[in-house]
Amino acid sequence: MTPEEPDPVRGDYHIDFATLDRDHDGVISRQEAQANPTLAREFDALDTHRSGRPDKAQLEGWMKQ
């Protein structure tokens, strides 16, 4: 999300989706979310489709709140 070298966690709400999506399936699993304490804590709020696997659009919507 920045032109700089990716960093999975910068502060609480600066998140690099590609780095967190370790298996590159286009979604963040609950296990992958554990790499970011804020994301892990807010996982259920982020998962607006209740799929247990939020995608990049859901993550971007959550970060704008």
Protein backbone atom coordinates (compact mmCIF):
# COMPACT_ATOMS: atom_id res chain seq x y z
CA MET A 1 0.00 0.00 0.00
CA THR A 2 3.07 2.19 0.05
CA PRO A 3 5.88 2.60 -2.47
CA GLU A 4 8.37 1.57 0.22
CA GLU A 5 9.63 -1.94 0.84
CA PRO A 6 6.67 -3.89 2.30
CA ASP A 7 6.43 -4.36 6.03
CA PRO A 8 3.57 -6.53 7.32
CA VAL A 9 2.90 -4.30 10.29
CA ARG A 10 3.51 -0.57 10.70
CA GLY A 11 1.77 0.76 13.73
CA ASP A 12 -1.69 -0.60 14.31
CA TYR A 13 -3.43 0.03 10.98
CA HIS A 14 -0.72 0.03 8.34
CA ILE A 15 -0.94 -3.45 6.89
CA ASP A 16 0.61 -5.07 3.83
CA PHE A 17 -1.98 -7.54 2.58
CA ALA A 18 0.43 -9.42 0.30
CA THR A 19 2.82 -10.13 3.16
CA LEU A 20 0.06 -11.29 5.50
CA ASP A 21 -1.45 -13.53 2.81
CA ARG A 22 1.37 -16.04 3.18
CA ASP A 23 -0.22 -18.74 1.03
CA HIS A 24 -1.19 -16.20 -1.67
CA ASP A 25 -4.80 -17.35 -1.89
CA GLY A 26 -6.24 -13.82 -1.88
CA VAL A 27 -7.68 -13.98 1.65
CA ILE A 28 -6.38 -13.65 5.19
CA SER A 29 -7.02 -16.65 7.40
CA ARG A 30 -7.38 -16.30 11.14
CA GLN A 31 -3.94 -17.92 11.47
CA GLU A 32 -2.36 -15.44 9.03
CA ALA A 33 -4.02 -12.55 10.92
CA GLN A 34 -2.06 -13.51 14.04
CA ALA A 35 0.97 -11.74 12.53
CA ASN A 36 -0.74 -8.42 13.35
CA PRO A 37 -2.13 -8.11 16.90
CA THR A 38 -4.69 -5.45 15.96
CA LEU A 39 -5.88 -7.39 12.94
CA ALA A 40 -6.14 -10.57 15.01
CA ARG A 41 -8.13 -8.74 17.69
CA GLU A 42 -10.49 -7.13 15.14
CA PHE A 43 -10.72 -10.17 12.84
CA ASP A 44 -14.44 -10.81 13.37
CA ALA A 45 -15.33 -7.15 12.71
CA LEU A 46 -13.19 -7.18 9.58
CA ASP A 47 -14.79 -10.38 8.27
CA THR A 48 -18.01 -8.69 7.11
CA HIS A 49 -19.01 -11.65 4.91
CA ARG A 50 -18.60 -14.03 7.88
CA SER A 51 -16.53 -16.38 5.75
CA GLY A 52 -13.66 -16.67 8.21
CA ARG A 53 -11.35 -15.50 5.40
CA PRO A 54 -11.56 -11.75 4.67
CA ASP A 55 -10.24 -10.54 1.33
CA LYS A 56 -8.27 -7.45 0.38
CA ALA A 57 -11.39 -5.31 -0.19
CA GLN A 58 -12.65 -6.12 3.31
CA LEU A 59 -9.26 -5.27 4.79
CA GLU A 60 -9.14 -1.94 2.94
CA GLY A 61 -12.67 -1.10 4.12
CA TRP A 62 -11.71 -1.90 7.71
CA MET A 63 -8.59 0.28 7.52
CA LYS A 64 -10.64 3.29 6.33
CA GLN A 65 -12.94 3.17 9.37
